[in-house]
Amino acid sequence: MRADTDLVMQLRLKAAFQDLVAAAANDRGLESPLRDFVTAAKTWQQQHGYECAWHWPELDETMKKLKSPAVDAVLDEQGEGKTPYDRVEDQLRKTETFTTRLISAMEQSARP
């Protein structure tokens, strides 16, 4: 049943995230928890197709502890352009693809 599958994916994603948060908070190795989180996040995202803004409590703080240039670039981006309209338009475009770009950056950082 689809609802059961979705629930299992969501619970795996949340558990993998909590493991990553705990590892970051306790200065443990992040490689394995990050790989598990990326795997769960990709599975969930591919099922649902969600791409827009993705903000969870502790997400940015935990991602910053990775010290990954690719992840930091996604987290720190601002709208760019010559006019206020251009900057807002660019920021909205970036927001609409935030989740897939963050997952991709995390995946790059998780490679051995």
N, C-alpha and C. Protein backbone atom coordinates (compact mmCIF):
# COMPACT_ATOMS: atom_id res chain seq x y z
N MET A 1 0.84 -1.18 0.00
CA MET A 1 0.00 0.00 0.00
C MET A 1 0.89 1.25 0.00
N ARG A 2 0.57 2.22 -0.81
CA ARG A 2 1.38 3.43 -0.98
C ARG A 2 1.58 4.18 0.34
N ALA A 3 0.53 4.31 1.13
CA ALA A 3 0.65 5.05 2.38
C ALA A 3 1.66 4.39 3.31
N ASP A 4 1.66 3.06 3.34
CA ASP A 4 2.61 2.34 4.19
C ASP A 4 4.05 2.56 3.69
N THR A 5 4.23 2.47 2.40
CA THR A 5 5.56 2.69 1.81
C THR A 5 6.05 4.10 2.10
N ASP A 6 5.18 5.08 1.92
CA ASP A 6 5.55 6.47 2.20
C ASP A 6 5.92 6.67 3.66
N LEU A 7 5.17 6.07 4.54
CA LEU A 7 5.46 6.19 5.97
C LEU A 7 6.81 5.56 6.32
N VAL A 8 7.09 4.40 5.77
CA VAL A 8 8.38 3.75 6.01
C VAL A 8 9.52 4.64 5.51
N MET A 9 9.37 5.21 4.31
CA MET A 9 10.40 6.10 3.77
C MET A 9 10.61 7.31 4.66
N GLN A 10 9.51 7.90 5.11
CA GLN A 10 9.60 9.09 5.96
C GLN A 10 10.27 8.75 7.30
N LEU A 11 9.94 7.62 7.87
CA LEU A 11 10.56 7.22 9.14
C LEU A 11 12.04 6.91 8.97
N ARG A 12 12.40 6.29 7.87
CA ARG A 12 13.83 6.03 7.61
C ARG A 12 14.59 7.33 7.42
N LEU A 13 13.98 8.27 6.72
CA LEU A 13 14.61 9.57 6.52
C LEU A 13 14.80 10.29 7.85
N LYS A 14 13.78 10.31 8.66
CA LYS A 14 13.87 10.98 9.97
C LYS A 14 14.90 10.30 10.87
N ALA A 15 14.92 8.97 10.88
CA ALA A 15 15.89 8.25 11.71
C ALA A 15 17.33 8.52 11.24
N ALA A 16 17.54 8.52 9.93
CA ALA A 16 18.88 8.79 9.40
C ALA A 16 19.30 10.22 9.73
N PHE A 17 18.37 11.16 9.66
CA PHE A 17 18.68 12.54 10.02
C PHE A 17 19.03 12.64 11.50
N GLN A 18 18.25 12.01 12.34
CA GLN A 18 18.53 12.07 13.78
C GLN A 18 19.89 11.45 14.11
N ASP A 19 20.26 10.38 13.42
CA ASP A 19 21.59 9.78 13.61
C ASP A 19 22.68 10.76 13.19
N LEU A 20 22.47 11.47 12.09
CA LEU A 20 23.45 12.45 11.62
C LEU A 20 23.56 13.61 12.61
N VAL A 21 22.44 14.10 13.09
CA VAL A 21 22.44 15.19 14.08
C VAL A 21 23.18 14.76 15.33
N ALA A 22 22.91 13.55 15.82
CA ALA A 22 23.57 13.05 17.03
C ALA A 22 25.08 12.92 16.82
N ALA A 23 25.48 12.42 15.67
CA ALA A 23 26.91 12.27 15.38
C ALA A 23 27.58 13.64 15.34
N ALA A 24 26.93 14.61 14.72
CA ALA A 24 27.49 15.96 14.63
C ALA A 24 27.56 16.61 16.01
N ALA A 25 26.54 16.43 16.80
CA ALA A 25 26.50 17.04 18.14
C ALA A 25 27.54 16.45 19.08
N ASN A 26 27.91 15.19 18.84
CA ASN A 26 28.85 14.51 19.73
C ASN A 26 30.23 14.36 19.11
N ASP A 27 30.48 15.13 18.05
CA ASP A 27 31.78 15.12 17.38
C ASP A 27 32.24 13.72 17.00
N ARG A 28 31.28 12.91 16.55
CA ARG A 28 31.63 11.58 16.03
C ARG A 28 31.80 11.68 14.53
N GLY A 29 32.32 10.64 13.93
CA GLY A 29 32.49 10.61 12.48
C GLY A 29 31.16 10.81 11.78
N LEU A 30 31.18 11.63 10.75
CA LEU A 30 29.95 11.94 10.02
C LEU A 30 29.80 11.17 8.72
N GLU A 31 30.84 10.45 8.30
CA GLU A 31 30.81 9.82 6.99
C GLU A 31 29.66 8.82 6.84
N SER A 32 29.58 7.87 7.75
CA SER A 32 28.54 6.84 7.65
C SER A 32 27.14 7.41 7.86
N PRO A 33 26.92 8.24 8.90
CA PRO A 33 25.57 8.82 9.05
C PRO A 33 25.17 9.70 7.87
N LEU A 34 26.15 10.40 7.27
CA LEU A 34 25.82 11.23 6.11
C LEU A 34 25.41 10.36 4.93
N ARG A 35 26.14 9.29 4.67
CA ARG A 35 25.77 8.39 3.57
C ARG A 35 24.36 7.82 3.78
N ASP A 36 24.07 7.43 5.01
CA ASP A 36 22.73 6.89 5.31
C ASP A 36 21.65 7.94 5.09
N PHE A 37 21.93 9.17 5.51
CA PHE A 37 20.96 10.25 5.33
C PHE A 37 20.76 10.56 3.84
N VAL A 38 21.84 10.61 3.09
CA VAL A 38 21.74 10.88 1.65
C VAL A 38 20.92 9.79 0.97
N THR A 39 21.18 8.54 1.31
CA THR A 39 20.42 7.43 0.72
C THR A 39 18.94 7.56 1.02
N ALA A 40 18.61 7.82 2.28
CA ALA A 40 17.20 7.96 2.67
C ALA A 40 16.56 9.18 2.01
N ALA A 41 17.30 10.28 1.95
CA ALA A 41 16.78 11.51 1.35
C ALA A 41 16.52 11.34 -0.14
N LYS A 42 17.46 10.70 -0.84
CA LYS A 42 17.27 10.47 -2.28
C LYS A 42 16.07 9.57 -2.53
N THR A 43 15.94 8.52 -1.75
CA THR A 43 14.82 7.60 -1.90
C THR A 43 13.50 8.34 -1.71
N TRP A 44 13.42 9.12 -0.65
CA TRP A 44 12.20 9.87 -0.36
C TRP A 44 11.92 10.89 -1.46
N GLN A 45 12.94 11.65 -1.86
CA GLN A 45 12.75 12.70 -2.86
C GLN A 45 12.34 12.11 -4.20
N GLN A 46 12.94 11.00 -4.60
CA GLN A 46 12.59 10.38 -5.88
C GLN A 46 11.16 9.86 -5.87
N GLN A 47 10.70 9.41 -4.73
CA GLN A 47 9.32 8.93 -4.63
C GLN A 47 8.33 10.09 -4.76
N HIS A 48 8.65 11.22 -4.10
CA HIS A 48 7.69 12.31 -4.01
C HIS A 48 7.94 13.45 -5.00
N GLY A 49 9.17 13.55 -5.51
CA GLY A 49 9.47 14.59 -6.47
C GLY A 49 9.56 15.99 -5.89
N TYR A 50 9.60 16.11 -4.58
CA TYR A 50 9.67 17.42 -3.94
C TYR A 50 11.03 18.05 -4.20
N GLU A 51 11.05 19.32 -4.61
CA GLU A 51 12.30 20.00 -4.92
C GLU A 51 12.46 21.34 -4.21
N CYS A 52 11.41 21.90 -3.70
CA CYS A 52 11.43 23.26 -3.19
C CYS A 52 12.20 23.37 -1.86
N ALA A 53 12.03 24.47 -1.15
CA ALA A 53 12.74 24.73 0.10
C ALA A 53 12.55 23.58 1.08
N TRP A 54 13.63 23.27 1.77
CA TRP A 54 13.64 22.15 2.71
C TRP A 54 14.31 22.64 3.97
N HIS A 55 13.55 22.87 5.00
CA HIS A 55 14.12 23.37 6.25
C HIS A 55 13.55 22.56 7.41
N TRP A 56 14.44 21.95 8.13
CA TRP A 56 14.08 21.21 9.33
C TRP A 56 14.84 21.83 10.49
N PRO A 57 14.31 21.73 11.70
CA PRO A 57 15.13 22.15 12.85
C PRO A 57 16.45 21.37 12.82
N GLU A 58 17.51 22.06 13.03
CA GLU A 58 18.86 21.49 13.10
C GLU A 58 19.47 21.15 11.74
N LEU A 59 18.75 21.33 10.65
CA LEU A 59 19.30 20.95 9.35
C LEU A 59 20.52 21.80 8.99
N ASP A 60 20.35 23.13 8.97
CA ASP A 60 21.47 23.98 8.57
C ASP A 60 22.66 23.83 9.51
N GLU A 61 22.39 23.82 10.80
CA GLU A 61 23.47 23.69 11.79
C GLU A 61 24.25 22.40 11.59
N THR A 62 23.56 21.31 11.36
CA THR A 62 24.21 20.02 11.16
C THR A 62 24.97 20.00 9.84
N MET A 63 24.37 20.54 8.78
CA MET A 63 25.03 20.55 7.48
C MET A 63 26.31 21.39 7.52
N LYS A 64 26.31 22.48 8.28
CA LYS A 64 27.51 23.33 8.39
C LYS A 64 28.67 22.58 9.04
N LYS A 65 28.36 21.62 9.90
CA LYS A 65 29.41 20.84 10.57
C LYS A 65 30.12 19.90 9.60
N LEU A 66 29.55 19.68 8.43
CA LEU A 66 30.20 18.85 7.43
C LEU A 66 31.43 19.55 6.86
N LYS A 67 31.42 20.87 6.93
CA LYS A 67 32.51 21.68 6.35
C LYS A 67 32.74 21.32 4.88
N SER A 68 31.62 21.20 4.18
CA SER A 68 31.64 20.85 2.77
C SER A 68 31.41 22.10 1.93
N PRO A 69 32.37 22.44 1.07
CA PRO A 69 32.16 23.60 0.20
C PRO A 69 30.89 23.47 -0.66
N ALA A 70 30.59 22.27 -1.13
CA ALA A 70 29.41 22.07 -1.98
C ALA A 70 28.12 22.31 -1.19
N VAL A 71 28.05 21.76 0.02
CA VAL A 71 26.86 21.95 0.86
C VAL A 71 26.75 23.41 1.30
N ASP A 72 27.86 23.99 1.74
CA ASP A 72 27.83 25.39 2.18
C ASP A 72 27.40 26.32 1.06
N ALA A 73 27.80 26.03 -0.16
CA ALA A 73 27.41 26.88 -1.30
C ALA A 73 25.89 26.90 -1.47
N VAL A 74 25.25 25.75 -1.29
CA VAL A 74 23.79 25.69 -1.40
C VAL A 74 23.14 26.42 -0.23
N LEU A 75 23.64 26.18 0.97
CA LEU A 75 23.04 26.79 2.15
C LEU A 75 23.22 28.31 2.19
N ASP A 76 24.33 28.80 1.66
CA ASP A 76 24.67 30.22 1.78
C ASP A 76 24.24 31.08 0.60
N GLU A 77 23.67 30.48 -0.43
CA GLU A 77 23.39 31.25 -1.63
C GLU A 77 22.34 32.33 -1.38
N GLN A 78 22.51 33.40 -2.11
CA GLN A 78 21.61 34.55 -2.08
C GLN A 78 21.19 34.83 -3.51
N GLY A 79 20.07 35.50 -3.64
CA GLY A 79 19.63 35.91 -4.97
C GLY A 79 20.63 36.88 -5.57
N GLU A 80 20.91 36.72 -6.84
CA GLU A 80 21.86 37.58 -7.53
C GLU A 80 21.15 38.30 -8.67
N GLY A 81 21.66 39.44 -9.02
CA GLY A 81 21.12 40.20 -10.14
C GLY A 81 21.36 41.68 -9.95
N LYS A 82 21.11 42.44 -11.01
CA LYS A 82 21.37 43.88 -10.97
C LYS A 82 20.29 44.65 -10.24
N THR A 83 19.05 44.18 -10.35
CA THR A 83 17.94 44.92 -9.74
C THR A 83 17.34 44.09 -8.61
N PRO A 84 16.57 44.74 -7.72
CA PRO A 84 15.87 43.97 -6.69
C PRO A 84 14.99 42.87 -7.29
N TYR A 85 14.31 43.18 -8.40
CA TYR A 85 13.47 42.18 -9.07
C TYR A 85 14.31 40.99 -9.49
N ASP A 86 15.47 41.24 -10.10
CA ASP A 86 16.35 40.15 -10.55
C ASP A 86 16.80 39.29 -9.36
N ARG A 87 17.11 39.93 -8.25
CA ARG A 87 17.58 39.19 -7.07
C ARG A 87 16.47 38.31 -6.49
N VAL A 88 15.26 38.85 -6.43
CA VAL A 88 14.12 38.08 -5.93
C VAL A 88 13.82 36.93 -6.87
N GLU A 89 13.81 37.19 -8.17
CA GLU A 89 13.55 36.15 -9.16
C GLU A 89 14.58 35.02 -9.04
N ASP A 90 15.85 35.40 -8.91
CA ASP A 90 16.92 34.40 -8.79
C ASP A 90 16.78 33.59 -7.49
N GLN A 91 16.44 34.27 -6.40
CA GLN A 91 16.28 33.56 -5.14
C GLN A 91 15.10 32.59 -5.20
N LEU A 92 14.02 32.99 -5.83
CA LEU A 92 12.88 32.08 -5.99
C LEU A 92 13.25 30.87 -6.83
N ARG A 93 14.01 31.10 -7.90
CA ARG A 93 14.46 29.97 -8.74
C ARG A 93 15.31 29.02 -7.92
N LYS A 94 16.19 29.55 -7.12
CA LYS A 94 17.05 28.70 -6.28
C LYS A 94 16.23 27.97 -5.23
N THR A 95 15.23 28.64 -4.67
CA THR A 95 14.38 28.01 -3.66
C THR A 95 13.61 26.83 -4.25
N GLU A 96 13.17 26.97 -5.50
CA GLU A 96 12.37 25.94 -6.15
C GLU A 96 13.15 24.66 -6.44
N THR A 97 14.47 24.71 -6.38
CA THR A 97 15.29 23.52 -6.63
C THR A 97 16.20 23.19 -5.44
N PHE A 98 15.93 23.79 -4.30
CA PHE A 98 16.81 23.69 -3.15
C PHE A 98 17.06 22.24 -2.71
N THR A 99 15.99 21.48 -2.53
CA THR A 99 16.14 20.13 -1.99
C THR A 99 16.99 19.23 -2.88
N THR A 100 16.73 19.23 -4.16
CA THR A 100 17.52 18.37 -5.05
C THR A 100 18.98 18.81 -5.10
N ARG A 101 19.21 20.12 -5.07
CA ARG A 101 20.59 20.61 -5.09
C ARG A 101 21.31 20.31 -3.78
N LEU A 102 20.61 20.41 -2.65
CA LEU A 102 21.23 20.08 -1.37
C LEU A 102 21.54 18.59 -1.29
N ILE A 103 20.63 17.75 -1.73
CA ILE A 103 20.89 16.31 -1.73
C ILE A 103 22.09 15.99 -2.61
N SER A 104 22.17 16.62 -3.77
CA SER A 104 23.31 16.40 -4.67
C SER A 104 24.62 16.84 -4.00
N ALA A 105 24.60 17.99 -3.34
CA ALA A 105 25.81 18.47 -2.66
C ALA A 105 26.20 17.54 -1.50
N MET A 106 25.21 17.05 -0.78
CA MET A 106 25.50 16.09 0.31
C MET A 106 26.08 14.81 -0.27
N GLU A 107 25.54 14.37 -1.38
CA GLU A 107 26.03 13.15 -2.03
C GLU A 107 27.49 13.32 -2.44
N GLN A 108 27.85 14.47 -2.99
CA GLN A 108 29.25 14.76 -3.32
C GLN A 108 30.12 14.67 -2.07
N SER A 109 29.63 15.22 -0.98
CA SER A 109 30.40 15.24 0.26
C SER A 109 30.51 13.88 0.91
N ALA A 110 29.58 13.00 0.60
CA ALA A 110 29.57 11.66 1.22
C ALA A 110 30.47 10.66 0.50
N ARG A 111 30.95 11.04 -0.68
CA ARG A 111 31.81 10.12 -1.43
C ARG A 111 33.13 9.96 -0.71
N PRO A 112 33.62 8.71 -0.66
CA PRO A 112 34.90 8.48 0.02
C PRO A 112 36.09 9.07 -0.70
